[in-house]
Amino acid sequence: MKLSFYGATRTVTGSKHLLEVNGTRILLDCGIFQGGRGETYDENLTFPFDPKTIDLLILSHAHIDHSGNIPNLVKQGFNGDIICTPATRDLCATMLPDSGFIQERDVEFVNKKRKKRGEPPVDPIYTYQDALDSMQYFTTRGYGRRATIATGVGLTFHDAGHMLGSASIVLDIIDREASRDYRLIFSGDVGRAGIPIIRDPEVLDGGNFLIMESTYGDRLHESYEDSEKKLEKILTDTYRRGGSVIMPAFAVGRTQQIVYTLHQLLQRGDMPKMPIYVDSPLAVNATSVFQLHPECYDDEIRQFMNNINSHDPFGFDMVTYIRRLDESKQLNYKREPCVIISASGMAEFGRIVHHLSNRIQDPNNTILITGWQAPNTLGRKLVDKQPEVRIFGELHQVRARVEVLNGFSGHADHDELMNWVGGMRHKPEKVFLVHGEEKAANALQKSLSDHFNMQVAVPVKKQQFTL
């Protein structure tokens, strides 16, 4: 049995891991690499393996750094099953075509510049139609329902508590060559206990080998309650200054979490009555998918829905969902205090870039970052407090206040990851840490080794292990 790592190695993007056993090649995730525009095109266009040779793809969840290169995989010859939970499949049906549309628009922009320089045009990594075509390969399996997916390989999904439909993947393997049985666990992205909307991550029984995320392996989050209180203060202070709060937010997961939190604050009278605009067609569509999967909700949101006598925790009087571009442009002329939530979450593309360009130089406004920001992205530059940033090729002075809240994170922090592993009755013999920058992965490596006496590796890209 061989395990090769082709993405999310010492970085937090592009999840891709290949398992080879009993003559079957199983890909775990197929995420797109996210970062500065210049470095992502070639990275995502070409796979370090032949897609035609992959027999199965198991998808942990719908976030684009885990699912976003599936259309390209299919386009280049993959024709096996893509196995995921029902909610993940429904989210991908919205997210992947949106990604294809963005690829097409980006290439149009790039090719105009290339034409002026006398350079040949480039093609999108994949198109909207490629994404639609890839959806026919999806097949779903609910949590806790074991299925045989290949010779000697059984699959069970467990709730990872990270986002709607997210799963930890448990593979029970009869390795014919080694004449031995194994259990391999891929954590996916591990969520946090007590975060609203979705259930807490399941504690697993354990296994022989563990591929585990390490995004926040070197730090602790503030509590959700503390972040909620800080959010109240940020909203109130910005309102009193006559400014607006601009929030780059991932369209799937983070946007719904923020909208639900704002709904709670308004219900309690803990924030000013200021209009809230969700300006992202993808976020609007994804919110509709959330409404289709109440089976994933936790008890807290069910109780909230009962209290407000509504089946829609994401819809209320003060929130407006915007699809049309002309409505989005009209937000540029609104000067009364408001909240604008828009994608992309790392502020690299999409409508949020226009809103930042329009409002970043006003000291009355607040830019509120609530998620991890990849190196070299506009979002990371704002988090790093750079005094000026380039937007649409022009330098802008960062005069708006920049605030960061990490209590809304959907990723477990160091202690939460340690507790997740600590809850396993059968501790893994070997752990492979992925989906974390090197500093975070190394810190978690030391903690796991010291506390549980485990063998812990931090793979580099294309590194292969024989298990």
Protein backbone atom coordinates (compact mmCIF):
# COMPACT_ATOMS: atom_id res chain seq x y z
CA MET A 1 0.00 0.00 0.00
CA LYS A 2 1.44 3.35 -1.07
CA LEU A 3 0.49 6.88 -0.08
CA SER A 4 1.64 9.90 -2.11
CA PHE A 5 1.10 13.57 -1.29
CA TYR A 6 0.49 15.95 -4.19
CA GLY A 7 -1.11 18.98 -2.56
CA ALA A 8 -1.68 20.82 0.72
CA THR A 9 1.86 19.87 1.73
CA ARG A 10 3.32 22.49 4.06
CA THR A 11 0.66 24.86 2.81
CA VAL A 12 -3.08 25.30 3.28
CA THR A 13 -4.42 24.81 -0.21
CA GLY A 14 -4.70 22.33 -3.07
CA SER A 15 -5.57 19.18 -1.08
CA LYS A 16 -4.63 16.06 -3.10
CA HIS A 17 -3.45 12.69 -1.73
CA LEU A 18 -3.13 9.42 -3.65
CA LEU A 19 -3.65 5.95 -2.13
CA GLU A 20 -2.61 2.87 -4.12
CA VAL A 21 -3.76 -0.51 -2.84
CA ASN A 22 -4.79 -3.85 -4.41
CA GLY A 23 -4.30 -2.42 -7.89
CA THR A 24 -6.69 0.50 -7.25
CA ARG A 25 -5.64 4.16 -7.31
CA ILE A 26 -7.81 6.27 -5.00
CA LEU A 27 -7.47 10.05 -4.89
CA LEU A 28 -8.41 11.78 -1.64
CA ASP A 29 -9.64 15.28 -2.56
CA CYS A 30 -8.82 17.25 -5.69
CA GLY A 31 -8.48 20.84 -4.59
CA ILE A 32 -7.39 23.89 -6.49
CA PHE A 33 -4.24 25.72 -5.44
CA GLN A 34 -5.00 29.24 -4.23
CA GLY A 35 -2.56 32.09 -4.02
CA GLY A 36 -1.30 34.95 -6.16
CA ARG A 37 -2.67 34.80 -9.69
CA GLY A 38 0.74 34.37 -11.32
CA GLU A 39 1.66 31.19 -9.45
CA THR A 40 -1.67 29.38 -9.62
CA TYR A 41 -2.28 28.87 -13.33
CA ASP A 42 0.46 26.32 -14.11
CA GLU A 43 0.10 24.72 -10.68
CA ASN A 44 -3.56 23.93 -11.31
CA LEU A 45 -3.44 23.23 -15.03
CA THR A 46 -1.13 20.22 -14.90
CA PHE A 47 -1.48 17.23 -12.56
CA PRO A 48 1.61 15.42 -11.19
CA PHE A 49 -0.07 12.14 -12.21
CA ASP A 50 -2.12 10.93 -15.16
CA PRO A 51 -5.82 11.57 -14.37
CA LYS A 52 -6.79 8.64 -16.60
CA THR A 53 -5.08 6.26 -14.16
CA ILE A 54 -7.16 7.35 -11.14
CA ASP A 55 -9.94 4.85 -10.39
CA LEU A 56 -11.87 6.67 -7.65
CA LEU A 57 -12.02 10.08 -6.00
CA ILE A 58 -13.22 10.44 -2.40
CA LEU A 59 -14.09 14.03 -1.53
CA SER A 60 -13.99 15.22 2.09
CA HIS A 61 -15.99 18.43 1.55
CA ALA A 62 -16.94 21.09 -0.95
CA HIS A 63 -14.53 23.92 -0.18
CA ILE A 64 -12.71 24.87 -3.34
CA ASP A 65 -9.24 24.04 -1.97
CA HIS A 66 -10.51 20.44 -1.67
CA SER A 67 -12.89 20.13 -4.64
CA GLY A 68 -11.98 22.94 -7.03
CA ASN A 69 -9.89 21.05 -9.60
CA ILE A 70 -12.35 18.20 -10.13
CA PRO A 71 -13.61 19.58 -13.48
CA ASN A 72 -10.03 19.69 -14.77
CA LEU A 73 -9.44 16.12 -13.55
CA VAL A 74 -12.49 14.93 -15.52
CA LYS A 75 -11.54 17.08 -18.51
CA GLN A 76 -8.15 15.31 -18.61
CA GLY A 77 -9.60 11.80 -18.61
CA PHE A 78 -10.75 10.74 -15.15
CA ASN A 79 -14.00 8.77 -15.44
CA GLY A 80 -14.44 7.04 -12.08
CA ASP A 81 -16.87 7.74 -9.25
CA ILE A 82 -16.55 10.84 -7.09
CA ILE A 83 -17.85 9.78 -3.68
CA CYS A 84 -19.00 12.34 -1.11
CA THR A 85 -21.90 13.17 1.21
CA PRO A 86 -25.21 14.41 -0.25
CA ALA A 87 -24.71 17.98 1.04
CA THR A 88 -21.20 18.09 -0.44
CA ARG A 89 -22.52 17.01 -3.82
CA ASP A 90 -25.22 19.71 -3.77
CA LEU A 91 -22.74 22.40 -2.78
CA CYS A 92 -20.34 21.32 -5.54
CA ALA A 93 -23.19 21.60 -8.06
CA THR A 94 -23.21 25.32 -7.24
CA MET A 95 -19.55 25.97 -6.48
CA LEU A 96 -17.79 24.22 -9.36
CA PRO A 97 -19.75 25.88 -12.20
CA ASP A 98 -19.18 29.21 -10.44
CA SER A 99 -15.45 28.45 -10.36
CA GLY A 100 -15.53 27.58 -14.07
CA PHE A 101 -17.26 30.87 -14.84
CA ILE A 102 -14.57 32.75 -12.90
CA GLN A 103 -11.84 30.87 -14.80
CA GLU A 104 -13.37 32.00 -18.08
CA ARG A 105 -13.68 35.64 -17.00
CA ASP A 106 -10.13 35.69 -15.63
CA VAL A 107 -8.72 34.35 -18.88
CA GLU A 108 -10.61 36.98 -20.88
CA PHE A 109 -8.95 39.67 -18.76
CA VAL A 110 -5.50 38.07 -19.03
CA ASN A 111 -5.78 37.54 -22.78
CA LYS A 112 -6.55 41.23 -23.38
CA LYS A 113 -3.22 42.07 -21.75
CA ARG A 114 -1.41 39.27 -23.59
CA LYS A 115 -2.77 40.50 -26.92
CA LYS A 116 -1.41 44.00 -26.27
CA ARG A 117 2.00 42.46 -25.57
CA GLY A 118 1.82 40.33 -28.73
CA GLU A 119 1.60 37.10 -26.71
CA PRO A 120 -0.60 34.10 -27.64
CA PRO A 121 -3.85 33.61 -25.68
CA VAL A 122 -4.20 31.07 -22.87
CA ASP A 123 -7.13 28.79 -22.11
CA PRO A 124 -9.02 28.60 -18.82
CA ILE A 125 -8.05 25.74 -16.53
CA TYR A 126 -11.65 24.63 -17.03
CA THR A 127 -14.91 26.19 -18.09
CA TYR A 128 -18.42 26.46 -16.74
CA GLN A 129 -19.43 23.61 -19.07
CA ASP A 130 -16.52 21.44 -17.91
CA ALA A 131 -17.78 21.86 -14.35
CA LEU A 132 -21.31 20.87 -15.33
CA ASP A 133 -19.93 17.83 -17.16
CA SER A 134 -18.02 16.70 -14.06
CA MET A 135 -21.19 16.54 -11.94
CA GLN A 136 -22.36 13.33 -13.64
CA TYR A 137 -19.52 11.44 -11.88
CA PHE A 138 -20.68 12.31 -8.36
CA THR A 139 -22.23 9.63 -6.18
CA THR A 140 -23.22 10.10 -2.54
CA ARG A 141 -23.09 8.25 0.75
CA GLY A 142 -24.51 9.33 4.10
CA TYR A 143 -22.62 9.51 7.39
CA GLY A 144 -21.99 6.19 9.09
CA ARG A 145 -23.06 4.05 6.11
CA ARG A 146 -20.18 1.72 5.26
CA ALA A 147 -19.76 0.75 1.60
CA THR A 148 -17.27 -1.41 -0.29
CA ILE A 149 -15.80 0.87 -2.96
CA ALA A 150 -12.96 -1.29 -4.35
CA THR A 151 -11.37 -4.70 -3.88
CA GLY A 152 -10.59 -4.95 -0.17
CA VAL A 153 -11.52 -1.31 0.57
CA GLY A 154 -14.49 -0.24 2.71
CA LEU A 155 -15.45 3.43 3.12
CA THR A 156 -17.30 5.15 5.95
CA PHE A 157 -17.92 8.90 6.26
CA HIS A 158 -18.03 10.55 9.70
CA ASP A 159 -19.11 14.13 10.41
CA ALA A 160 -16.00 16.35 10.53
CA GLY A 161 -17.97 19.32 11.91
CA HIS A 162 -16.15 21.76 9.59
CA MET A 163 -18.92 22.84 7.21
CA LEU A 164 -22.16 21.53 5.77
CA GLY A 165 -21.56 17.97 4.55
CA SER A 166 -17.89 17.82 5.60
CA ALA A 167 -16.56 14.36 6.36
CA SER A 168 -13.65 12.54 7.87
CA ILE A 169 -12.90 9.55 5.67
CA VAL A 170 -12.34 6.11 7.21
CA LEU A 171 -10.99 3.39 4.93
CA ASP A 172 -10.91 -0.22 6.15
CA ILE A 173 -8.40 -1.95 3.93
CA ILE A 174 -7.46 -5.60 3.37
CA ASP A 175 -4.01 -5.24 1.80
CA ARG A 176 -3.55 -8.38 -0.29
CA GLU A 177 0.11 -7.79 -1.04
CA ALA A 178 1.03 -7.32 2.64
CA SER A 179 -1.54 -9.88 3.86
CA ARG A 180 -2.59 -7.39 6.52
CA ASP A 181 -5.65 -5.35 7.47
CA TYR A 182 -5.34 -1.59 7.93
CA ARG A 183 -7.54 1.31 8.87
CA LEU A 184 -6.56 4.58 7.21
CA ILE A 185 -8.22 7.82 8.34
CA PHE A 186 -8.20 11.09 6.42
CA SER A 187 -9.41 13.80 8.78
CA GLY A 188 -10.47 16.22 6.06
CA ASP A 189 -10.76 19.61 7.76
CA VAL A 190 -11.61 19.14 11.43
CA GLY A 191 -14.18 21.57 12.82
CA ARG A 192 -14.69 23.02 16.27
CA ALA A 193 -17.05 22.03 19.05
CA GLY A 194 -19.68 24.60 19.91
CA ILE A 195 -19.71 26.47 16.60
CA PRO A 196 -23.30 27.14 15.46
CA ILE A 197 -25.24 25.62 12.53
CA ILE A 198 -23.45 22.29 12.09
CA ARG A 199 -22.78 19.47 14.52
CA ASP A 200 -19.55 19.02 16.46
CA PRO A 201 -16.84 16.83 14.86
CA GLU A 202 -17.27 13.14 15.58
CA VAL A 203 -14.66 11.46 17.75
CA LEU A 204 -13.38 8.42 15.87
CA ASP A 205 -12.37 5.05 17.28
CA GLY A 206 -8.94 5.33 15.68
CA GLY A 207 -6.91 3.32 13.22
CA ASN A 208 -3.43 2.46 11.96
CA PHE A 209 -2.67 5.54 9.86
CA LEU A 210 -3.95 9.10 9.98
CA ILE A 211 -3.70 11.88 7.41
CA MET A 212 -4.55 14.99 9.40
CA GLU A 213 -4.95 18.69 8.76
CA SER A 214 -2.77 21.17 10.70
CA THR A 215 -4.04 24.61 9.64
CA TYR A 216 -3.92 26.05 13.16
CA GLY A 217 -1.48 23.55 14.61
CA ASP A 218 0.61 26.28 16.23
CA ARG A 219 -2.03 28.54 17.77
CA LEU A 220 -5.24 28.82 19.74
CA HIS A 221 -8.48 30.49 18.73
CA GLU A 222 -10.32 32.90 20.91
CA SER A 223 -13.71 31.51 21.89
CA TYR A 224 -16.71 31.93 19.62
CA GLU A 225 -18.39 33.92 22.40
CA ASP A 226 -15.45 36.36 22.65
CA SER A 227 -15.43 36.84 18.88
CA GLU A 228 -19.17 37.47 18.96
CA LYS A 229 -18.67 40.20 21.59
CA LYS A 230 -15.88 41.76 19.54
CA LEU A 231 -18.13 41.67 16.49
CA GLU A 232 -20.80 43.57 18.44
CA LYS A 233 -18.23 46.25 19.33
CA ILE A 234 -16.87 46.52 15.78
CA LEU A 235 -20.38 46.92 14.37
CA THR A 236 -21.36 49.50 16.98
CA ASP A 237 -18.15 51.56 16.70
CA THR A 238 -18.30 51.59 12.89
CA TYR A 239 -21.96 52.58 12.95
CA ARG A 240 -21.20 55.50 15.29
CA ARG A 241 -18.44 56.68 12.93
CA GLY A 242 -20.95 56.60 10.08
CA GLY A 243 -18.95 53.93 8.30
CA SER A 244 -19.63 50.50 6.85
CA VAL A 245 -18.26 47.05 7.67
CA ILE A 246 -16.83 45.23 4.65
CA MET A 247 -16.37 41.50 5.16
CA PRO A 248 -14.56 39.27 2.65
CA ALA A 249 -16.14 35.89 3.40
CA PHE A 250 -16.03 32.46 1.86
CA ALA A 251 -19.33 32.03 0.07
CA VAL A 252 -19.89 28.58 1.51
CA GLY A 253 -19.82 28.11 5.25
CA ARG A 254 -18.45 31.39 6.56
CA THR A 255 -21.10 33.60 4.94
CA GLN A 256 -23.94 31.51 6.36
CA GLN A 257 -22.28 31.48 9.78
CA ILE A 258 -21.89 35.27 9.81
CA VAL A 259 -25.46 35.86 8.60
CA TYR A 260 -26.82 33.56 11.30
CA THR A 261 -24.73 35.34 13.96
CA LEU A 262 -25.97 38.76 12.80
CA HIS A 263 -29.53 37.41 12.91
CA GLN A 264 -28.97 36.38 16.54
CA LEU A 265 -27.47 39.77 17.45
CA LEU A 266 -30.41 41.62 15.92
CA GLN A 267 -32.90 39.37 17.68
CA ARG A 268 -31.24 40.20 21.00
CA GLY A 269 -30.88 43.91 20.23
CA ASP A 270 -27.08 43.63 20.49
CA MET A 271 -26.20 45.43 17.26
CA PRO A 272 -27.37 48.59 15.51
CA LYS A 273 -30.16 48.20 12.98
CA MET A 274 -28.07 48.58 9.86
CA PRO A 275 -28.82 46.93 6.52
CA ILE A 276 -26.89 43.77 5.70
CA TYR A 277 -26.06 42.94 2.09
CA VAL A 278 -24.85 39.51 1.00
CA ASP A 279 -23.34 40.36 -2.37
CA SER A 280 -22.34 37.08 -3.96
CA PRO A 281 -24.43 34.97 -6.35
CA LEU A 282 -22.52 31.90 -5.15
CA ALA A 283 -23.29 32.69 -1.50
CA VAL A 284 -26.96 33.13 -2.37
CA ASN A 285 -27.04 29.74 -4.11
CA ALA A 286 -25.05 28.06 -1.34
CA THR A 287 -27.42 29.43 1.29
CA SER A 288 -30.25 27.74 -0.59
CA VAL A 289 -28.34 24.45 -0.33
CA PHE A 290 -27.98 24.98 3.43
CA GLN A 291 -31.76 25.30 3.62
CA LEU A 292 -32.08 21.93 1.84
CA HIS A 293 -30.01 20.05 4.43
CA PRO A 294 -31.43 20.59 7.91
CA GLU A 295 -30.31 17.03 8.73
CA CYS A 296 -26.82 18.52 9.17
CA TYR A 297 -27.93 21.19 11.68
CA ASP A 298 -27.01 21.13 15.35
CA ASP A 299 -29.47 21.51 18.24
CA GLU A 300 -28.68 25.20 18.75
CA ILE A 301 -29.86 26.31 15.33
CA ARG A 302 -32.93 24.08 15.56
CA GLN A 303 -33.85 25.77 18.86
CA PHE A 304 -33.27 29.22 17.33
CA MET A 305 -35.54 28.36 14.41
CA ASN A 306 -38.25 27.24 16.83
CA ASN A 307 -37.92 30.43 18.88
CA ILE A 308 -38.28 32.75 15.88
CA ASN A 309 -40.97 30.50 14.37
CA SER A 310 -39.13 30.29 11.07
CA HIS A 311 -37.60 27.54 8.98
CA ASP A 312 -35.06 29.99 7.55
CA PRO A 313 -32.31 31.12 9.96
CA PHE A 314 -30.57 32.91 7.07
CA GLY A 315 -33.47 35.12 6.00
CA PHE A 316 -34.75 38.13 7.98
CA ASP A 317 -35.86 41.73 7.51
CA MET A 318 -32.45 43.43 7.62
CA VAL A 319 -30.66 41.13 5.16
CA THR A 320 -30.72 41.50 1.37
CA TYR A 321 -29.24 38.88 -0.95
CA ILE A 322 -27.86 40.34 -4.16
CA ARG A 323 -27.48 38.43 -7.39
CA ARG A 324 -27.57 41.06 -10.15
CA LEU A 325 -24.46 43.02 -11.05
CA ASP A 326 -26.35 46.32 -11.32
CA GLU A 327 -27.59 45.89 -7.74
CA SER A 328 -24.04 45.17 -6.61
CA LYS A 329 -22.79 48.35 -8.28
CA GLN A 330 -25.49 50.38 -6.53
CA LEU A 331 -23.88 49.50 -3.19
CA ASN A 332 -20.97 51.74 -4.19
CA TYR A 333 -23.27 54.77 -3.86
CA LYS A 334 -24.68 53.90 -0.43
CA ARG A 335 -23.07 56.02 2.24
CA GLU A 336 -25.24 55.21 5.23
CA PRO A 337 -23.79 52.60 7.62
CA CYS A 338 -24.24 49.03 6.40
CA VAL A 339 -22.64 45.57 6.41
CA ILE A 340 -21.43 44.15 3.09
CA ILE A 341 -20.53 40.46 3.04
CA SER A 342 -19.01 39.39 -0.25
CA ALA A 343 -16.76 36.77 -1.82
CA SER A 344 -14.01 35.81 -2.33
CA GLY A 345 -12.92 35.06 1.21
CA MET A 346 -9.27 35.90 0.48
CA ALA A 347 -10.25 39.03 -1.49
CA GLU A 348 -8.46 37.84 -4.62
CA PHE A 349 -11.37 38.09 -7.04
CA GLY A 350 -15.11 38.61 -7.20
CA ARG A 351 -17.27 41.48 -6.07
CA ILE A 352 -15.47 42.00 -2.75
CA VAL A 353 -12.51 43.45 -4.66
CA HIS A 354 -14.74 46.21 -6.05
CA HIS A 355 -16.14 46.99 -2.61
CA LEU A 356 -12.64 47.18 -1.12
CA SER A 357 -11.46 49.42 -3.94
CA ASN A 358 -14.39 51.74 -3.29
CA ARG A 359 -14.17 51.90 0.53
CA ILE A 360 -10.62 51.00 1.65
CA GLN A 361 -9.41 54.62 1.82
CA ASP A 362 -12.20 55.84 4.15
CA PRO A 363 -11.06 55.76 7.83
CA ASN A 364 -14.69 55.50 8.99
CA ASN A 365 -15.03 52.05 7.40
CA THR A 366 -13.92 48.71 8.83
CA ILE A 367 -12.57 45.75 6.87
CA LEU A 368 -13.31 42.64 8.92
CA ILE A 369 -11.35 39.45 8.21
CA THR A 370 -12.81 36.25 9.68
CA GLY A 371 -10.91 33.47 7.87
CA TRP A 372 -7.44 32.17 7.09
CA GLN A 373 -5.68 34.11 4.32
CA ALA A 374 -3.22 32.44 1.95
CA PRO A 375 0.21 34.04 1.45
CA ASN A 376 0.39 36.73 -1.26
CA THR A 377 -3.38 37.26 -1.38
CA LEU A 378 -4.97 40.67 -0.88
CA GLY A 379 -6.58 39.34 2.29
CA ARG A 380 -3.19 38.35 3.76
CA LYS A 381 -1.75 41.77 2.90
CA LEU A 382 -4.58 43.41 4.82
CA VAL A 383 -4.09 41.08 7.79
CA ASP A 384 -0.36 41.92 7.72
CA LYS A 385 -1.29 45.62 8.02
CA GLN A 386 0.41 46.70 4.81
CA PRO A 387 -0.12 50.48 4.52
CA GLU A 388 -0.98 50.31 0.85
CA VAL A 389 -2.21 47.55 -1.44
CA ARG A 390 -2.65 47.16 -5.16
CA ILE A 391 -6.22 46.65 -6.38
CA PHE A 392 -6.97 46.38 -10.12
CA GLY A 393 -3.40 47.48 -10.76
CA GLU A 394 -3.68 50.71 -8.77
CA LEU A 395 -2.20 51.47 -5.35
CA HIS A 396 -4.71 52.22 -2.58
CA GLN A 397 -3.87 53.61 0.85
CA VAL A 398 -5.33 51.38 3.59
CA ARG A 399 -7.07 53.99 5.72
CA ALA A 400 -10.04 51.84 6.74
CA ARG A 401 -9.61 49.99 10.01
CA VAL A 402 -8.66 46.33 9.56
CA GLU A 403 -9.92 43.92 12.21
CA VAL A 404 -9.37 40.15 12.46
CA LEU A 405 -11.61 37.71 14.30
CA ASN A 406 -10.46 34.09 14.44
CA GLY A 407 -13.18 32.76 16.72
CA PHE A 408 -15.42 32.20 13.71
CA SER A 409 -12.91 29.81 12.17
CA GLY A 410 -14.25 26.47 11.01
CA HIS A 411 -10.86 24.83 11.69
CA ALA A 412 -9.89 23.28 14.99
CA ASP A 413 -6.98 24.99 16.73
CA HIS A 414 -3.96 23.27 18.30
CA ASP A 415 -5.70 22.10 21.46
CA GLU A 416 -8.85 21.07 19.61
CA LEU A 417 -6.81 18.96 17.18
CA MET A 418 -4.97 17.37 20.09
CA ASN A 419 -8.28 16.61 21.82
CA TRP A 420 -9.65 15.08 18.61
CA VAL A 421 -6.72 12.68 18.39
CA GLY A 422 -6.77 12.14 22.16
CA GLY A 423 -10.35 10.91 21.94
CA MET A 424 -9.32 8.00 19.71
CA ARG A 425 -9.31 4.70 21.57
CA HIS A 426 -6.81 3.19 19.14
CA LYS A 427 -4.07 5.73 18.49
CA PRO A 428 -2.60 5.70 14.97
CA GLU A 429 0.82 4.17 14.44
CA LYS A 430 1.80 6.93 12.06
CA VAL A 431 0.40 10.39 11.35
CA PHE A 432 0.91 12.49 8.22
CA LEU A 433 0.30 16.21 8.72
CA VAL A 434 -1.05 18.16 5.75
CA HIS A 435 -3.05 21.34 5.09
CA GLY A 436 -0.87 23.57 7.26
CA GLU A 437 1.97 25.98 6.75
CA GLU A 438 5.31 24.52 7.80
CA LYS A 439 5.48 26.33 11.15
CA ALA A 440 1.99 25.15 12.14
CA ALA A 441 2.59 21.56 11.00
CA ASN A 442 5.93 21.33 12.80
CA ALA A 443 4.42 22.60 16.04
CA LEU A 444 1.63 20.03 15.89
CA GLN A 445 4.12 17.33 14.94
CA LYS A 446 6.07 17.97 18.15
CA SER A 447 2.92 17.99 20.30
CA LEU A 448 1.59 14.72 18.88
CA SER A 449 4.98 13.05 19.21
CA ASP A 450 5.53 14.28 22.78
CA HIS A 451 2.03 13.58 24.11
CA PHE A 452 1.13 10.36 22.30
CA ASN A 453 4.54 8.95 21.36
CA MET A 454 3.49 8.80 17.70
CA GLN A 455 5.53 8.71 14.52
CA VAL A 456 4.56 11.97 12.82
CA ALA A 457 5.66 13.01 9.33
CA VAL A 458 5.20 16.36 7.59
CA PRO A 459 5.36 15.37 3.90
CA VAL A 460 6.77 17.51 1.13
CA LYS A 461 5.10 17.64 -2.26
CA LYS A 462 5.33 14.41 -4.27
CA GLN A 463 6.69 12.47 -1.28
CA GLN A 464 5.62 8.81 -1.26
CA PHE A 465 5.35 6.40 1.63
CA THR A 466 4.98 2.61 1.61
CA LEU A 467 2.70 1.54 4.46
